Amino acid sequence: MKMLPASLLTDSSHAELHTFVQEAVVLASIQHENIVPFLGGSLHPPHVFIVEALMQHTLGERLHNDPAPLPLWEMLALSLDV
């Protein structure tokens, strides 16, 4: 879950809310096997949040923290998907 802090919901920071709304719209429109699924959210202050599926690990963790190196086929598949 990603939440927009209430401190950023003032009139002076309308840009942060606009950026957050744009992110929610883009996430809701994307369905790809390598992108975390968007499940829902709320864009009505003071409760502004995005809910995404919980994944076992991030790509960064898989690339940098996994003790076993990626097999060549998996490296190539990831590279082609970027």
Protein backbone atom coordinates (compact mmCIF):
# COMPACT_ATOMS: atom_id res chain seq x y z
CA MET A 1 0.00 0.00 0.00
CA LYS A 2 1.28 3.44 -0.88
CA MET A 3 -0.23 6.36 1.01
CA LEU A 4 0.03 10.08 0.40
CA PRO A 5 0.69 11.71 3.79
CA ALA A 6 -1.93 14.16 5.03
CA SER A 7 0.79 16.82 5.29
CA LEU A 8 1.01 16.80 1.48
CA LEU A 9 -2.71 17.37 1.00
CA THR A 10 -2.65 21.11 1.66
CA ASP A 11 -3.60 23.68 -0.97
CA SER A 12 0.06 24.58 -1.47
CA SER A 13 0.97 21.01 -2.52
CA HIS A 14 -1.71 20.33 -5.10
CA ALA A 15 1.04 19.10 -7.44
CA GLU A 16 1.76 16.08 -5.19
CA LEU A 17 -1.89 15.01 -5.29
CA HIS A 18 -1.98 15.46 -9.07
CA THR A 19 1.17 13.32 -9.48
CA PHE A 20 -0.31 10.64 -7.21
CA VAL A 21 -3.54 10.59 -9.23
CA GLN A 22 -1.54 10.25 -12.47
CA GLU A 23 0.36 7.30 -10.99
CA ALA A 24 -2.90 5.59 -9.98
CA VAL A 25 -4.38 6.09 -13.46
CA VAL A 26 -1.29 4.65 -15.17
CA LEU A 27 -1.09 1.67 -12.80
CA ALA A 28 -4.79 0.91 -13.28
CA SER A 29 -4.35 0.83 -17.05
CA ILE A 30 -1.35 -1.54 -17.13
CA GLN A 31 -1.66 -5.31 -17.04
CA HIS A 32 1.66 -7.05 -17.54
CA GLU A 33 3.12 -10.19 -16.00
CA ASN A 34 6.22 -8.29 -14.80
CA ILE A 35 4.43 -5.32 -13.25
CA VAL A 36 2.87 -5.52 -9.80
CA PRO A 37 -0.93 -5.66 -10.23
CA PHE A 38 -2.93 -2.61 -9.17
CA LEU A 39 -5.77 -3.71 -6.87
CA GLY A 40 -7.46 -0.40 -6.05
CA GLY A 41 -7.19 2.68 -3.91
CA SER A 42 -8.76 5.96 -2.89
CA LEU A 43 -8.11 9.41 -4.30
CA HIS A 44 -10.42 11.24 -1.89
CA PRO A 45 -8.59 13.27 0.79
CA PRO A 46 -7.74 12.72 3.57
CA HIS A 47 -7.46 9.02 2.65
CA VAL A 48 -5.36 8.96 -0.51
CA PHE A 49 -3.73 5.59 -1.20
CA ILE A 50 -2.91 2.95 -3.83
CA VAL A 51 -3.14 -0.80 -3.17
CA GLU A 52 -0.97 -3.19 -5.17
CA ALA A 53 -0.42 -6.93 -4.89
CA LEU A 54 2.23 -8.03 -2.40
CA MET A 55 5.18 -9.65 -4.16
CA GLN A 56 7.72 -12.05 -2.67
CA HIS A 57 10.65 -9.84 -3.68
CA THR A 58 11.56 -6.90 -5.87
CA LEU A 59 13.58 -7.11 -9.06
CA GLY A 60 16.41 -5.34 -7.25
CA GLU A 61 16.42 -7.97 -4.51
CA ARG A 62 16.42 -10.74 -7.10
CA LEU A 63 19.32 -9.19 -8.98
CA HIS A 64 21.49 -8.10 -6.04
CA ASN A 65 20.62 -10.12 -2.94
CA ASP A 66 19.95 -13.61 -4.25
CA PRO A 67 22.95 -15.87 -3.56
CA ALA A 68 22.35 -17.87 -6.76
CA PRO A 69 23.12 -16.00 -9.98
CA LEU A 70 20.35 -15.65 -12.52
CA PRO A 71 20.38 -18.29 -15.24
CA LEU A 72 21.19 -16.91 -18.68
CA TRP A 73 17.66 -17.57 -19.99
CA GLU A 74 16.17 -15.54 -17.10
CA MET A 75 18.61 -12.65 -17.68
CA LEU A 76 17.68 -12.58 -21.36
CA ALA A 77 13.96 -12.76 -20.61
CA LEU A 78 14.21 -9.85 -18.14
CA SER A 79 16.28 -7.83 -20.60
CA LEU A 80 13.77 -8.30 -23.40
CA ASP A 81 10.89 -7.24 -21.13
CA VAL A 82 12.41 -3.87 -20.19
